Amino acid sequence: MPCWYPYRKFAMTRTELLSRISINSNICFGKPCIRGHRIWVSLILDFLASGWTVQGILDEYPGLEEADILACIAYGAEMARERYFEIPLETQA
């Protein structure tokens, strides 16, 4: 199923997005990176979580494309389906 982004006139499948991510045990300690770069997926996700814009990341890393950022988000979504990070439950007062 294509991923539609209303602010762009392109659609990529999840498979096409995820093909932009590589994992190689000899590169960056085997951490998921943007294919052809030594930029960790987690770094891009941390930037986004900290409030950076996609354009801000692209300005800071001119070798990246918008699809690379979307690929990082897609990878994070896939990981969230497979793994869980322990977050304390909120208690109701």
Protein backbone atom coordinates (compact mmCIF):
# COMPACT_ATOMS: atom_id res chain seq x y z
CA MET A 1 0.00 0.00 0.00
CA PRO A 2 1.47 3.40 -0.94
CA CYS A 3 2.28 5.94 1.75
CA TRP A 4 0.69 9.25 0.74
CA TYR A 5 2.04 12.50 2.05
CA PRO A 6 -0.30 15.41 1.30
CA TYR A 7 2.49 17.98 1.06
CA ARG A 8 4.35 15.97 -1.60
CA LYS A 9 3.29 14.62 -4.95
CA PHE A 10 4.84 11.21 -4.61
CA ALA A 11 3.98 7.93 -3.03
CA MET A 12 6.34 5.22 -1.92
CA THR A 13 5.49 1.80 -0.62
CA ARG A 14 6.73 0.75 2.78
CA THR A 15 9.11 -1.65 1.03
CA GLU A 16 10.54 1.16 -1.12
CA LEU A 17 11.04 3.35 1.94
CA LEU A 18 12.66 0.59 3.98
CA SER A 19 15.03 -0.23 1.12
CA ARG A 20 16.68 3.12 1.88
CA ILE A 21 17.84 1.72 5.25
CA SER A 22 20.82 -0.60 5.55
CA ILE A 23 22.24 -2.71 8.34
CA ASN A 24 25.81 -3.91 8.00
CA SER A 25 27.74 -5.31 10.96
CA ASN A 26 30.91 -3.67 9.59
CA ILE A 27 29.39 -0.18 9.41
CA CYS A 28 28.40 1.88 12.45
CA PHE A 29 28.48 -1.16 14.74
CA GLY A 30 25.61 -2.75 12.82
CA LYS A 31 23.14 0.01 13.66
CA PRO A 32 20.50 0.81 11.03
CA CYS A 33 21.77 3.63 8.81
CA ILE A 34 20.52 5.52 5.82
CA ARG A 35 21.82 3.57 2.81
CA GLY A 36 25.02 5.06 1.43
CA HIS A 37 25.58 7.17 4.56
CA ARG A 38 26.89 6.62 8.06
CA ILE A 39 23.93 8.40 9.57
CA TRP A 40 22.01 6.36 12.10
CA VAL A 41 18.25 6.07 11.79
CA SER A 42 18.05 6.73 15.52
CA LEU A 43 19.88 10.05 15.09
CA ILE A 44 17.31 11.26 12.56
CA LEU A 45 14.45 10.10 14.79
CA ASP A 46 16.04 11.89 17.76
CA PHE A 47 16.28 15.07 15.71
CA LEU A 48 12.61 14.84 14.76
CA ALA A 49 11.61 14.10 18.35
CA SER A 50 13.57 17.17 19.46
CA GLY A 51 11.57 19.39 17.16
CA TRP A 52 13.80 19.59 14.11
CA THR A 53 11.94 19.96 10.84
CA VAL A 54 12.55 17.75 7.85
CA GLN A 55 13.91 20.78 6.02
CA GLY A 56 16.23 21.54 8.95
CA ILE A 57 17.71 18.04 8.77
CA LEU A 58 18.10 18.29 5.00
CA ASP A 59 19.87 21.64 5.42
CA GLU A 60 22.25 20.15 8.00
CA TYR A 61 22.87 16.98 5.97
CA PRO A 62 22.72 18.09 2.31
CA GLY A 63 23.45 14.56 1.01
CA LEU A 64 20.12 13.30 2.33
CA GLU A 65 16.79 13.33 0.54
CA GLU A 66 13.35 13.79 2.01
CA ALA A 67 12.63 10.12 1.28
CA ASP A 68 15.55 9.19 3.57
CA ILE A 69 13.86 10.99 6.46
CA LEU A 70 10.56 9.29 5.67
CA ALA A 71 12.41 5.97 5.54
CA CYS A 72 13.69 6.56 9.07
CA ILE A 73 10.15 7.22 10.27
CA ALA A 74 8.91 4.09 8.50
CA TYR A 75 11.71 2.05 10.11
CA GLY A 76 10.77 3.43 13.53
CA ALA A 77 7.15 2.47 12.91
CA GLU A 78 8.20 -1.07 11.98
CA MET A 79 10.29 -1.37 15.14
CA ALA A 80 7.40 -0.11 17.27
CA ARG A 81 5.28 -2.96 15.91
CA GLU A 82 7.91 -5.52 16.87
CA ARG A 83 9.51 -4.22 20.08
CA TYR A 84 8.31 -2.39 23.11
CA PHE A 85 10.14 0.06 25.33
CA GLU A 86 9.10 -0.06 28.97
CA ILE A 87 7.22 3.13 29.79
CA PRO A 88 5.78 3.55 33.28
CA LEU A 89 2.00 3.44 33.39
CA GLU A 90 0.28 6.61 34.44
CA THR A 91 -1.65 6.38 37.66
CA GLN A 92 -4.97 8.13 37.95
CA ALA A 93 -5.36 10.40 40.96
